[in-house]
Amino acid sequence: MPSLKNALRPAVAVGAALALFTGMSTSAQAATGDFTYINVNGDDFTLHAPENGECFLLVSGARSANNRTNTRATVFAEQGCEGSRLVMQPGTSVNFGAAVPHSVMFG
């Protein structure tokens, strides 16, 4: 007959794993506000309450941008949030000139 100690080990292991899993899971948070930009063709775009940590494509590259969210926006030279970057604090605007960014991530 197994001892109580041996019978409790699997239950403790399962409980610890469940606590670790549920403690680490977080729901995605969205920035409050809008991120607007004008692309190189002169078209206006708006990202409404963008999800933090998600990479967004800036269609045809952004000539200028306005971060009207409550979180920082990091714009990247390349699609997929790669390459050189520039951090835009909440409430800031930027005119990019010739080196236009092609993606943005919030948070």
PDB file of N, CA and C in Angstrom:
ATOM      1  N   MET A   1       0.847  -1.161   0.000  1.00  0.00           N
ATOM      2  CA  MET A   1       0.000   0.000   0.000  1.00  0.00           C
ATOM      3  C   MET A   1       0.902   1.236   0.000  1.00  0.00           C
ATOM      4  N   PRO A   2       0.681   2.161  -0.956  1.00  0.00           N
ATOM      5  CA  PRO A   2       1.534   3.337  -1.031  1.00  0.00           C
ATOM      6  C   PRO A   2       1.303   4.262   0.159  1.00  0.00           C
ATOM      7  N   SER A   3       2.355   4.913   0.539  1.00  0.00           N
ATOM      8  CA  SER A   3       2.240   5.840   1.661  1.00  0.00           C
ATOM      9  C   SER A   3       1.532   7.116   1.210  1.00  0.00           C
ATOM     10  N   LEU A   4       1.013   7.857   2.180  1.00  0.00           N
ATOM     11  CA  LEU A   4       0.326   9.111   1.903  1.00  0.00           C
ATOM     12  C   LEU A   4       1.287  10.095   1.232  1.00  0.00           C
ATOM     13  N   LYS A   5       2.543  10.060   1.645  1.00  0.00           N
ATOM     14  CA  LYS A   5       3.557  10.948   1.077  1.00  0.00           C
ATOM     15  C   LYS A   5       3.708  10.709  -0.424  1.00  0.00           C
ATOM     16  N   ASN A   6       3.769   9.450  -0.835  1.00  0.00           N
ATOM     17  CA  ASN A   6       3.905   9.109  -2.252  1.00  0.00           C
ATOM     18  C   ASN A   6       2.641   9.438  -3.029  1.00  0.00           C
ATOM     19  N   ALA A   7       1.488   9.342  -2.416  1.00  0.00           N
ATOM     20  CA  ALA A   7       0.232   9.643  -3.097  1.00  0.00           C
ATOM     21  C   ALA A   7       0.064  11.147  -3.299  1.00  0.00           C
ATOM     22  N   LEU A   8       0.607  11.964  -2.419  1.00  0.00           N
ATOM     23  CA  LEU A   8       0.462  13.415  -2.516  1.00  0.00           C
ATOM     24  C   LEU A   8       1.420  14.056  -3.520  1.00  0.00           C
ATOM     25  N   ARG A   9       2.517  13.399  -3.813  1.00  0.00           N
ATOM     26  CA  ARG A   9       3.506  13.987  -4.727  1.00  0.00           C
ATOM     27  C   ARG A   9       2.914  14.348  -6.093  1.00  0.00           C
ATOM     28  N   PRO A  10       2.200  13.456  -6.754  1.00  0.00           N
ATOM     29  CA  PRO A  10       1.630  13.834  -8.062  1.00  0.00           C
ATOM     30  C   PRO A  10       0.638  14.996  -7.946  1.00  0.00           C
ATOM     31  N   ALA A  11      -0.165  15.006  -6.891  1.00  0.00           N
ATOM     32  CA  ALA A  11      -1.140  16.090  -6.715  1.00  0.00           C
ATOM     33  C   ALA A  11      -0.433  17.424  -6.509  1.00  0.00           C
ATOM     34  N   VAL A  12       0.642  17.423  -5.721  1.00  0.00           N
ATOM     35  CA  VAL A  12       1.401  18.646  -5.486  1.00  0.00           C
ATOM     36  C   VAL A  12       2.049  19.109  -6.792  1.00  0.00           C
ATOM     37  N   ALA A  13       2.596  18.185  -7.562  1.00  0.00           N
ATOM     38  CA  ALA A  13       3.247  18.544  -8.829  1.00  0.00           C
ATOM     39  C   ALA A  13       2.233  19.150  -9.799  1.00  0.00           C
ATOM     40  N   VAL A  14       1.061  18.542  -9.909  1.00  0.00           N
ATOM     41  CA  VAL A  14       0.024  19.063 -10.796  1.00  0.00           C
ATOM     42  C   VAL A  14      -0.434  20.439 -10.318  1.00  0.00           C
ATOM     43  N   GLY A  15      -0.633  20.601  -9.029  1.00  0.00           N
ATOM     44  CA  GLY A  15      -1.048  21.890  -8.473  1.00  0.00           C
ATOM     45  C   GLY A  15      -0.016  22.975  -8.718  1.00  0.00           C
ATOM     46  N   ALA A  16       1.259  22.640  -8.551  1.00  0.00           N
ATOM     47  CA  ALA A  16       2.323  23.618  -8.782  1.00  0.00           C
ATOM     48  C   ALA A  16       2.399  24.001 -10.250  1.00  0.00           C
ATOM     49  N   ALA A  17       2.258  23.032 -11.133  1.00  0.00           N
ATOM     50  CA  ALA A  17       2.286  23.323 -12.569  1.00  0.00           C
ATOM     51  C   ALA A  17       1.106  24.198 -12.968  1.00  0.00           C
ATOM     52  N   LEU A  18      -0.060  23.913 -12.433  1.00  0.00           N
ATOM     53  CA  LEU A  18      -1.246  24.715 -12.733  1.00  0.00           C
ATOM     54  C   LEU A  18      -1.083  26.141 -12.220  1.00  0.00           C
ATOM     55  N   ALA A  19      -0.559  26.305 -11.023  1.00  0.00           N
ATOM     56  CA  ALA A  19      -0.342  27.642 -10.466  1.00  0.00           C
ATOM     57  C   ALA A  19       0.675  28.418 -11.300  1.00  0.00           C
ATOM     58  N   LEU A  20       1.725  27.754 -11.742  1.00  0.00           N
ATOM     59  CA  LEU A  20       2.729  28.395 -12.572  1.00  0.00           C
ATOM     60  C   LEU A  20       2.136  28.819 -13.905  1.00  0.00           C
ATOM     61  N   PHE A  21       1.365  27.950 -14.519  1.00  0.00           N
ATOM     62  CA  PHE A  21       0.762  28.246 -15.817  1.00  0.00           C
ATOM     63  C   PHE A  21      -0.221  29.398 -15.723  1.00  0.00           C
ATOM     64  N   THR A  22      -1.124  29.366 -14.774  1.00  0.00           N
ATOM     65  CA  THR A  22      -2.131  30.423 -14.664  1.00  0.00           C
ATOM     66  C   THR A  22      -1.524  31.714 -14.158  1.00  0.00           C
ATOM     67  N   GLY A  23      -0.473  31.638 -13.380  1.00  0.00           N
ATOM     68  CA  GLY A  23       0.178  32.844 -12.893  1.00  0.00           C
ATOM     69  C   GLY A  23       0.949  33.556 -13.978  1.00  0.00           C
ATOM     70  N   MET A  24       1.429  32.851 -14.971  1.00  0.00           N
ATOM     71  CA  MET A  24       2.207  33.452 -16.036  1.00  0.00           C
ATOM     72  C   MET A  24       1.345  33.940 -17.188  1.00  0.00           C
ATOM     73  N   SER A  25       0.139  33.446 -17.323  1.00  0.00           N
ATOM     74  CA  SER A  25      -0.681  33.868 -18.450  1.00  0.00           C
ATOM     75  C   SER A  25      -1.242  35.250 -18.174  1.00  0.00           C
ATOM     76  N   THR A  26      -1.090  36.120 -19.166  1.00  0.00           N
ATOM     77  CA  THR A  26      -1.623  37.462 -19.045  1.00  0.00           C
ATOM     78  C   THR A  26      -2.420  37.772 -20.295  1.00  0.00           C
ATOM     79  N   SER A  27      -3.447  38.548 -20.129  1.00  0.00           N
ATOM     80  CA  SER A  27      -4.214  38.929 -21.301  1.00  0.00           C
ATOM     81  C   SER A  27      -3.522  40.109 -21.963  1.00  0.00           C
ATOM     82  N   ALA A  28      -3.666  40.190 -23.271  1.00  0.00           N
ATOM     83  CA  ALA A  28      -3.050  41.284 -24.009  1.00  0.00           C
ATOM     84  C   ALA A  28      -3.719  42.589 -23.631  1.00  0.00           C
ATOM     85  N   GLN A  29      -2.923  43.614 -23.515  1.00  0.00           N
ATOM     86  CA  GLN A  29      -3.430  44.929 -23.172  1.00  0.00           C
ATOM     87  C   GLN A  29      -3.363  45.810 -24.408  1.00  0.00           C
ATOM     88  N   ALA A  30      -4.350  46.631 -24.583  1.00  0.00           N
ATOM     89  CA  ALA A  30      -4.358  47.563 -25.700  1.00  0.00           C
ATOM     90  C   ALA A  30      -3.982  48.946 -25.198  1.00  0.00           C
ATOM     91  N   ALA A  31      -3.287  49.667 -26.035  1.00  0.00           N
ATOM     92  CA  ALA A  31      -3.010  51.063 -25.737  1.00  0.00           C
ATOM     93  C   ALA A  31      -4.319  51.830 -25.845  1.00  0.00           C
ATOM     94  N   THR A  32      -4.467  52.856 -25.049  1.00  0.00           N
ATOM     95  CA  THR A  32      -5.641  53.713 -25.136  1.00  0.00           C
ATOM     96  C   THR A  32      -5.304  54.868 -26.068  1.00  0.00           C
ATOM     97  N   GLY A  33      -6.164  55.122 -27.037  1.00  0.00           N
ATOM     98  CA  GLY A  33      -5.948  56.218 -27.975  1.00  0.00           C
ATOM     99  C   GLY A  33      -5.649  55.716 -29.372  1.00  0.00           C
ATOM    100  N   ASP A  34      -5.209  56.641 -30.215  1.00  0.00           N
ATOM    101  CA  ASP A  34      -4.957  56.346 -31.629  1.00  0.00           C
ATOM    102  C   ASP A  34      -3.519  56.658 -32.012  1.00  0.00           C
ATOM    103  N   PHE A  35      -3.019  55.884 -32.958  1.00  0.00           N
ATOM    104  CA  PHE A  35      -1.748  56.158 -33.613  1.00  0.00           C
ATOM    105  C   PHE A  35      -2.102  56.459 -35.058  1.00  0.00           C
ATOM    106  N   THR A  36      -1.807  57.662 -35.501  1.00  0.00           N
ATOM    107  CA  THR A  36      -2.136  58.042 -36.880  1.00  0.00           C
ATOM    108  C   THR A  36      -0.853  58.270 -37.658  1.00  0.00           C
ATOM    109  N   TYR A  37      -0.921  57.987 -38.954  1.00  0.00           N
ATOM    110  CA  TYR A  37       0.228  58.260 -39.808  1.00  0.00           C
ATOM    111  C   TYR A  37      -0.216  58.567 -41.225  1.00  0.00           C
ATOM    112  N   ILE A  38       0.652  59.257 -41.939  1.00  0.00           N
ATOM    113  CA  ILE A  38       0.461  59.531 -43.364  1.00  0.00           C
ATOM    114  C   ILE A  38       1.567  58.783 -44.090  1.00  0.00           C
ATOM    115  N   ASN A  39       1.160  57.948 -45.056  1.00  0.00           N
ATOM    116  CA  ASN A  39       2.171  57.157 -45.754  1.00  0.00           C
ATOM    117  C   ASN A  39       2.806  57.978 -46.880  1.00  0.00           C
ATOM    118  N   VAL A  40       3.764  57.384 -47.574  1.00  0.00           N
ATOM    119  CA  VAL A  40       4.511  58.100 -48.608  1.00  0.00           C
ATOM    120  C   VAL A  40       3.628  58.502 -49.790  1.00  0.00           C
ATOM    121  N   ASN A  41       2.458  57.915 -49.932  1.00  0.00           N
ATOM    122  CA  ASN A  41       1.517  58.263 -50.999  1.00  0.00           C
ATOM    123  C   ASN A  41       0.539  59.353 -50.572  1.00  0.00           C
ATOM    124  N   GLY A  42       0.641  59.808 -49.311  1.00  0.00           N
ATOM    125  CA  GLY A  42      -0.253  60.842 -48.808  1.00  0.00           C
ATOM    126  C   GLY A  42      -1.549  60.310 -48.224  1.00  0.00           C
ATOM    127  N   ASP A  43      -1.666  58.994 -48.048  1.00  0.00           N
ATOM    128  CA  ASP A  43      -2.877  58.391 -47.483  1.00  0.00           C
ATOM    129  C   ASP A  43      -2.814  58.428 -45.960  1.00  0.00           C
ATOM    130  N   ASP A  44      -3.961  58.736 -45.316  1.00  0.00           N
ATOM    131  CA  ASP A  44      -4.069  58.767 -43.850  1.00  0.00           C
ATOM    132  C   ASP A  44      -4.489  57.401 -43.319  1.00  0.00           C
ATOM    133  N   PHE A  45      -3.849  56.973 -42.230  1.00  0.00           N
ATOM    134  CA  PHE A  45      -4.194  55.718 -41.572  1.00  0.00           C
ATOM    135  C   PHE A  45      -4.280  55.946 -40.070  1.00  0.00           C
ATOM    136  N   THR A  46      -5.144  55.179 -39.404  1.00  0.00           N
ATOM    137  CA  THR A  46      -5.281  55.254 -37.951  1.00  0.00           C
ATOM    138  C   THR A  46      -5.319  53.846 -37.372  1.00  0.00           C
ATOM    139  N   LEU A  47      -4.522  53.620 -36.343  1.00  0.00           N
ATOM    140  CA  LEU A  47      -4.589  52.388 -35.553  1.00  0.00           C
ATOM    141  C   LEU A  47      -5.315  52.763 -34.266  1.00  0.00           C
ATOM    142  N   HIS A  48      -6.533  52.231 -34.079  1.00  0.00           N
ATOM    143  CA  HIS A  48      -7.348  52.521 -32.894  1.00  0.00           C
ATOM    144  C   HIS A  48      -7.007  51.533 -31.785  1.00  0.00           C
ATOM    145  N   ALA A  49      -6.637  52.026 -30.623  1.00  0.00           N
ATOM    146  CA  ALA A  49      -6.344  51.195 -29.448  1.00  0.00           C
ATOM    147  C   ALA A  49      -5.531  49.954 -29.827  1.00  0.00           C
ATOM    148  N   PRO A  50      -4.320  50.156 -30.383  1.00  0.00           N
ATOM    149  CA  PRO A  50      -3.520  49.006 -30.823  1.00  0.00           C
ATOM    150  C   PRO A  50      -3.060  48.146 -29.648  1.00  0.00           C
ATOM    151  N   GLU A  51      -2.977  46.848 -29.896  1.00  0.00           N
ATOM    152  CA  GLU A  51      -2.530  45.890 -28.884  1.00  0.00           C
ATOM    153  C   GLU A  51      -1.046  46.083 -28.595  1.00  0.00           C
ATOM    154  N   ASN A  52      -0.689  46.123 -27.326  1.00  0.00           N
ATOM    155  CA  ASN A  52       0.719  46.187 -26.930  1.00  0.00           C
ATOM    156  C   ASN A  52       1.406  44.882 -27.312  1.00  0.00           C
ATOM    157  N   GLY A  53       2.623  44.984 -27.799  1.00  0.00           N
ATOM    158  CA  GLY A  53       3.413  43.807 -28.126  1.00  0.00           C
ATOM    159  C   GLY A  53       3.139  43.218 -29.494  1.00  0.00           C
ATOM    160  N   GLU A  54       2.180  43.743 -30.230  1.00  0.00           N
ATOM    161  CA  GLU A  54       1.864  43.250 -31.571  1.00  0.00           C
ATOM    162  C   GLU A  54       2.532  44.158 -32.600  1.00  0.00           C
ATOM    163  N   CYS A  55       3.066  43.568 -33.655  1.00  0.00           N
ATOM    164  CA  CYS A  55       3.724  44.332 -34.709  1.00  0.00           C
ATOM    165  C   CYS A  55       2.700  44.712 -35.774  1.00  0.00           C
ATOM    166  N   PHE A  56       2.643  45.995 -36.114  1.00  0.00           N
ATOM    167  CA  PHE A  56       1.710  46.492 -37.122  1.00  0.00           C
ATOM    168  C   PHE A  56       2.491  47.000 -38.334  1.00  0.00           C
ATOM    169  N   LEU A  57       2.019  46.656 -39.519  1.00  0.00           N
ATOM    170  CA  LEU A  57       2.596  47.127 -40.769  1.00  0.00           C
ATOM    171  C   LEU A  57       2.160  48.569 -41.003  1.00  0.00           C
ATOM    172  N   LEU A  58       3.094  49.420 -41.397  1.00  0.00           N
ATOM    173  CA  LEU A  58       2.781  50.779 -41.821  1.00  0.00           C
ATOM    174  C   LEU A  58       2.751  50.755 -43.347  1.00  0.00           C
ATOM    175  N   VAL A  59       1.557  50.753 -43.909  1.00  0.00           N
ATOM    176  CA  VAL A  59       1.337  50.548 -45.344  1.00  0.00           C
ATOM    177  C   VAL A  59       2.141  51.560 -46.166  1.00  0.00           C
ATOM    178  N   SER A  60       3.013  51.074 -47.018  1.00  0.00           N
ATOM    179  CA  SER A  60       3.886  51.864 -47.898  1.00  0.00           C
ATOM    180  C   SER A  60       4.892  52.735 -47.153  1.00  0.00           C
ATOM    181  N   GLY A  61       5.002  52.584 -45.849  1.00  0.00           N
ATOM    182  CA  GLY A  61       5.939  53.376 -45.056  1.00  0.00           C
ATOM    183  C   GLY A  61       5.327  54.693 -44.629  1.00  0.00           C
ATOM    184  N   ALA A  62       5.674  55.125 -43.422  1.00  0.00           N
ATOM    185  CA  ALA A  62       5.092  56.342 -42.857  1.00  0.00           C
ATOM    186  C   ALA A  62       5.987  57.547 -43.130  1.00  0.00           C
ATOM    187  N   ARG A  63       5.420  58.572 -43.739  1.00  0.00           N
ATOM    188  CA  ARG A  63       6.135  59.834 -43.946  1.00  0.00           C
ATOM    189  C   ARG A  63       6.122  60.654 -42.655  1.00  0.00           C
ATOM    190  N   SER A  64       4.996  60.566 -41.910  1.00  0.00           N
ATOM    191  CA  SER A  64       4.877  61.230 -40.606  1.00  0.00           C
ATOM    192  C   SER A  64       3.949  60.403 -39.733  1.00  0.00           C
ATOM    193  N   ALA A  65       4.053  60.584 -38.415  1.00  0.00           N
ATOM    194  CA  ALA A  65       3.215  59.835 -37.474  1.00  0.00           C
ATOM    195  C   ALA A  65       2.929  60.677 -36.247  1.00  0.00           C
ATOM    196  N   ASN A  66       1.800  60.370 -35.608  1.00  0.00           N
ATOM    197  CA  ASN A  66       1.375  61.052 -34.390  1.00  0.00           C
ATOM    198  C   ASN A  66       0.941  59.973 -33.397  1.00  0.00           C
ATOM    199  N   ASN A  67       1.658  59.864 -32.289  1.00  0.00           N
ATOM    200  CA  ASN A  67       1.340  58.864 -31.267  1.00  0.00           C
ATOM    201  C   ASN A  67       0.410  59.487 -30.225  1.00  0.00           C
ATOM    202  N   ARG A  68      -0.890  59.299 -30.419  1.00  0.00           N
ATOM    203  CA  ARG A  68      -1.875  59.817 -29.471  1.00  0.00           C
ATOM    204  C   ARG A  68      -2.387  58.704 -28.561  1.00  0.00           C
ATOM    205  N   THR A  69      -1.520  57.737 -28.268  1.00  0.00           N
ATOM    206  CA  THR A  69      -1.859  56.668 -27.325  1.00  0.00           C
ATOM    207  C   THR A  69      -1.261  56.997 -25.969  1.00  0.00           C
ATOM    208  N   ASN A  70      -1.547  56.132 -24.997  1.00  0.00           N
ATOM    209  CA  ASN A  70      -0.991  56.320 -23.652  1.00  0.00           C
ATOM    210  C   ASN A  70       0.265  55.487 -23.420  1.00  0.00           C
ATOM    211  N   THR A  71       0.851  54.959 -24.490  1.00  0.00           N
ATOM    212  CA  THR A  71       2.053  54.138 -24.357  1.00  0.00           C
ATOM    213  C   THR A  71       3.035  54.493 -25.456  1.00  0.00           C
ATOM    214  N   ARG A  72       4.281  54.080 -25.283  1.00  0.00           N
ATOM    215  CA  ARG A  72       5.280  54.392 -26.304  1.00  0.00           C
ATOM    216  C   ARG A  72       5.042  53.545 -27.555  1.00  0.00           C
ATOM    217  N   ALA A  73       5.390  54.123 -28.690  1.00  0.00           N
ATOM    218  CA  ALA A  73       5.308  53.426 -29.974  1.00  0.00           C
ATOM    219  C   ALA A  73       6.721  53.361 -30.530  1.00  0.00           C
ATOM    220  N   THR A  74       7.178  52.169 -30.843  1.00  0.00           N
ATOM    221  CA  THR A  74       8.498  52.010 -31.439  1.00  0.00           C
ATOM    222  C   THR A  74       8.308  51.732 -32.917  1.00  0.00           C
ATOM    223  N   VAL A  75       8.807  52.648 -33.758  1.00  0.00           N
ATOM    224  CA  VAL A  75       8.706  52.464 -35.205  1.00  0.00           C
ATOM    225  C   VAL A  75      10.009  51.852 -35.707  1.00  0.00           C
ATOM    226  N   PHE A  76       9.883  50.959 -36.680  1.00  0.00           N
ATOM    227  CA  PHE A  76      11.016  50.190 -37.189  1.00  0.00           C
ATOM    228  C   PHE A  76      11.211  50.453 -38.676  1.00  0.00           C
ATOM    229  N   ALA A  77      12.453  50.446 -39.114  1.00  0.00           N
ATOM    230  CA  ALA A  77      12.785  50.686 -40.515  1.00  0.00           C
ATOM    231  C   ALA A  77      12.201  49.618 -41.433  1.00  0.00           C
ATOM    232  N   GLU A  78      12.128  48.387 -40.949  1.00  0.00           N
ATOM    233  CA  GLU A  78      11.703  47.275 -41.801  1.00  0.00           C
ATOM    234  C   GLU A  78      10.365  46.703 -41.348  1.00  0.00           C
ATOM    235  N   GLN A  79       9.718  45.986 -42.255  1.00  0.00           N
ATOM    236  CA  GLN A  79       8.503  45.260 -41.899  1.00  0.00           C
ATOM    237  C   GLN A  79       8.852  44.186 -40.882  1.00  0.00           C
ATOM    238  N   GLY A  80       7.872  43.773 -40.087  1.00  0.00           N
ATOM    239  CA  GLY A  80       8.110  42.733 -39.097  1.00  0.00           C
ATOM    240  C   GLY A  80       8.790  43.241 -37.847  1.00  0.00           C
ATOM    241  N   CYS A  81       8.797  44.558 -37.646  1.00  0.00           N
ATOM    242  CA  CYS A  81       9.410  45.181 -36.467  1.00  0.00           C
ATOM    243  C   CYS A  81      10.876  44.789 -36.324  1.00  0.00           C
ATOM    244  N   GLU A  82      11.597  44.983 -37.425  1.00  0.00           N
ATOM    245  CA  GLU A  82      13.025  44.688 -37.457  1.00  0.00           C
ATOM    246  C   GLU A  82      13.783  45.890 -37.996  1.00  0.00           C
ATOM    247  N   GLY A  83      15.067  45.889 -37.789  1.00  0.00           N
ATOM    248  CA  GLY A  83      15.917  46.961 -38.289  1.00  0.00           C
ATOM    249  C   GLY A  83      16.028  48.102 -37.292  1.00  0.00           C
ATOM    250  N   SER A  84      16.552  49.213 -37.769  1.00  0.00           N
ATOM    251  CA  SER A  84      16.738  50.362 -36.878  1.00  0.00           C
ATOM    252  C   SER A  84      15.385  50.840 -36.368  1.00  0.00           C
ATOM    253  N   ARG A  85      15.404  51.490 -35.216  1.00  0.00           N
ATOM    254  CA  ARG A  85      14.154  51.862 -34.558  1.00  0.00           C
ATOM    255  C   ARG A  85      14.226  53.254 -33.965  1.00  0.00           C
ATOM    256  N   LEU A  86      13.030  53.795 -33.749  1.00  0.00           N
ATOM    257  CA  LEU A  86      12.874  55.086 -33.098  1.00  0.00           C
ATOM    258  C   LEU A  86      11.695  54.972 -32.148  1.00  0.00           C
ATOM    259  N   VAL A  87      11.882  55.397 -30.905  1.00  0.00           N
ATOM    260  CA  VAL A  87      10.813  55.336 -29.910  1.00  0.00           C
ATOM    261  C   VAL A  87      10.079  56.668 -29.885  1.00  0.00           C
ATOM    262  N   MET A  88       8.762  56.595 -30.034  1.00  0.00           N
ATOM    263  CA  MET A  88       7.893  57.769 -29.939  1.00  0.00           C
ATOM    264  C   MET A  88       7.144  57.691 -28.615  1.00  0.00           C
ATOM    265  N   GLN A  89       7.378  58.648 -27.752  1.00  0.00           N
ATOM    266  CA  GLN A  89       6.666  58.700 -26.476  1.00  0.00           C
ATOM    267  C   GLN A  89       5.211  59.105 -26.715  1.00  0.00           C
ATOM    268  N   PRO A  90       4.320  58.821 -25.763  1.00  0.00           N
ATOM    269  CA  PRO A  90       2.922  59.234 -25.907  1.00  0.00           C
ATOM    270  C   PRO A  90       2.819  60.742 -26.145  1.00  0.00           C
ATOM    271  N   GLY A  91       1.936  61.109 -27.064  1.00  0.00           N
ATOM    272  CA  GLY A  91       1.691  62.515 -27.338  1.00  0.00           C
ATOM    273  C   GLY A  91       2.709  63.190 -28.237  1.00  0.00           C
ATOM    274  N   THR A  92       3.571  62.418 -28.908  1.00  0.00           N
ATOM    275  CA  THR A  92       4.582  63.018 -29.782  1.00  0.00           C
ATOM    276  C   THR A  92       4.267  62.780 -31.248  1.00  0.00           C
ATOM    277  N   SER A  93       4.821  63.659 -32.092  1.00  0.00           N
ATOM    278  CA  SER A  93       4.688  63.547 -33.548  1.00  0.00           C
ATOM    279  C   SER A  93       6.069  63.572 -34.169  1.00  0.00           C
ATOM    280  N   VAL A  94       6.212  62.906 -35.327  1.00  0.00           N
ATOM    281  CA  VAL A  94       7.500  62.861 -36.023  1.00  0.00           C
ATOM    282  C   VAL A  94       7.264  62.961 -37.521  1.00  0.00           C
ATOM    283  N   ASN A  95       8.102  63.748 -38.206  1.00  0.00           N
ATOM    284  CA  ASN A  95       8.211  63.725 -39.667  1.00  0.00           C
ATOM    285  C   ASN A  95       9.490  62.966 -39.966  1.00  0.00           C
ATOM    286  N   PHE A  96       9.393  61.906 -40.760  1.00  0.00           N
ATOM    287  CA  PHE A  96      10.518  60.994 -40.915  1.00  0.00           C
ATOM    288  C   PHE A  96      11.497  61.350 -42.028  1.00  0.00           C
ATOM    289  N   GLY A  97      11.104  62.141 -42.997  1.00  0.00           N
ATOM    290  CA  GLY A  97      12.015  62.455 -44.090  1.00  0.00           C
ATOM    291  C   GLY A  97      12.179  61.271 -45.016  1.00  0.00           C
ATOM    292  N   ALA A  98      13.410  61.032 -45.468  1.00  0.00           N
ATOM    293  CA  ALA A  98      13.662  59.982 -46.462  1.00  0.00           C
ATOM    294  C   ALA A  98      13.664  58.569 -45.881  1.00  0.00           C
ATOM    295  N   ALA A  99      14.072  58.420 -44.620  1.00  0.00           N
ATOM    296  CA  ALA A  99      14.158  57.094 -43.997  1.00  0.00           C
ATOM    297  C   ALA A  99      12.836  56.762 -43.317  1.00  0.00           C
ATOM    298  N   VAL A 100      11.862  56.301 -44.082  1.00  0.00           N
ATOM    299  CA  VAL A 100      10.522  56.051 -43.533  1.00  0.00           C
ATOM    300  C   VAL A 100      10.448  54.681 -42.860  1.00  0.00           C
ATOM    301  N   PRO A 101       9.771  54.611 -41.711  1.00  0.00           N
ATOM    302  CA  PRO A 101       9.583  53.314 -41.048  1.00  0.00           C
ATOM    303  C   PRO A 101       8.469  52.514 -41.739  1.00  0.00           C
ATOM    304  N   HIS A 102       8.540  51.192 -41.579  1.00  0.00           N
ATOM    305  CA  HIS A 102       7.573  50.299 -42.213  1.00  0.00           C
ATOM    306  C   HIS A 102       6.774  49.443 -41.240  1.00  0.00           C
ATOM    307  N   SER A 103       7.042  49.571 -39.927  1.00  0.00           N
ATOM    308  CA  SER A 103       6.256  48.834 -38.934  1.00  0.00           C
ATOM    309  C   SER A 103       6.356  49.538 -37.591  1.00  0.00           C
ATOM    310  N   VAL A 104       5.415  49.188 -36.699  1.00  0.00           N
ATOM    311  CA  VAL A 104       5.363  49.817 -35.385  1.00  0.00           C
ATOM    312  C   VAL A 104       4.896  48.808 -34.352  1.00  0.00           C
ATOM    313  N   MET A 105       5.402  48.930 -33.110  1.00  0.00           N
ATOM    314  CA  MET A 105       4.989  48.099 -31.994  1.00  0.00           C
ATOM    315  C   MET A 105       4.778  48.999 -30.787  1.00  0.00           C
ATOM    316  N   PHE A 106       3.761  48.695 -30.000  1.00  0.00           N
ATOM    317  CA  PHE A 106       3.405  49.501 -28.837  1.00  0.00           C
ATOM    318  C   PHE A 106       3.758  48.761 -27.551  1.00  0.00           C
ATOM    319  N   GLY A 107       4.015  49.533 -26.515  1.00  0.00           N
ATOM    320  CA  GLY A 107       4.287  48.968 -25.198  1.00  0.00           C
ATOM    321  C   GLY A 107       5.720  49.104 -24.793  1.00  0.00           C
TER     322      GLY A 107
END
